[in-house]
Amino acid sequence: MIGAKPGEASLKIFLINLDRATDRLVAMQQKLGSIGLYFERVAAVDGRAIEFPIQGFDEFAFRFKHGRRRNPAEVGCYLSHIECARRLLASNSKFALILEDDLEFPDDFVELLDAALAQTEKWDILRLSTVSDGRKFRFSRLTEGRDLAVALTREKGSGAYIINRRAADWFVDRLMPMQLPFDLALDLEFFAQLKSAFVVPIPVNQQLGLPSQIQGRRRTYHRSRGHYLTVMPYRIFIETMRLSARLARLLGHLTSARMEVALPGTEKVEAGGVSLVNNPAKQVSEM
């Protein structure tokens, strides 16, 4: 856990890890421990153990919106991320850093976390990784080497991100039952009037070339091309709404930044204004 003030755990760290993936757990313990970060392990929901149908998965909506048959591993991943949001809401912490277990971190990771906690008014969801390469539009300096940015197009990947309690409420109340893969659902925050931002350059690498625990037999879950009759209209609608909402958000950020510069006497919060205190904690905690 990380505290923004001495004795206060403002940011919890949750690591999602399958019970059988002990090698990944050891690797992440070493990586996070080397930079002084302590986490709570969340035992990932194992798709192999799920007996369908379940209340947490809407198969009709999944096929209608995503055009694929259910993938038990994908369902397990989704439910694991929702569990992290529930744990944040059950704690006294204001924020949670949620991590999957196949990541690499930069040398300035703690510094950028510190800076992010100094600018929490600018985001509800702060994304630290992606598997897409869409352009990100910068709107605020975070550290000397990184900025906050808005993506106007869809971004996949949910390897590392921070949420506040408002976003956690949205996860638990509005993103259940599952109707899309988690990374695609995460990218729909604008429907809940939440603010989503990226750190750029993207700090966390989630493309390490490790065998996928979710998409290993991807073709098994495809449908016929006829599914595009429902999927394509839905995607066009989503992309149109995303572009409109995030462009408005970006313009709002840029306007606010100009006003801060123009108005004399306006106090500016410098990145790094919140000091992180790493509290000794048990590193591994079972569900």
Foldseek 3Di string as FASTA:
>chain_A
DKALDVPHCQEAEEEEDAPVPVVLVVVVCVQQVVLQAFHEYEHFQALVPDDDDDQQADQVLQCLAVVWGDFSRLQRNLVSVLVVLVVQVVDPYFKYKYAYRQKHFDPCRVLLVQLCVLPVVQFQKEAQDFPDDADWAFQACRDPVKGKTFGLFQTFDDGIMMGGNVVSCCSNPPCGNPNYRNRRVVLQCVVVVGHYIYIPPRGMDRPPPDQDPTCNPVVVTHDDPVSCVRHVVSVVVSSVVSNVRRVVSSVVSNVVVVVQVPDPPRDDRHGSPGDMDNDDDDRYDYD
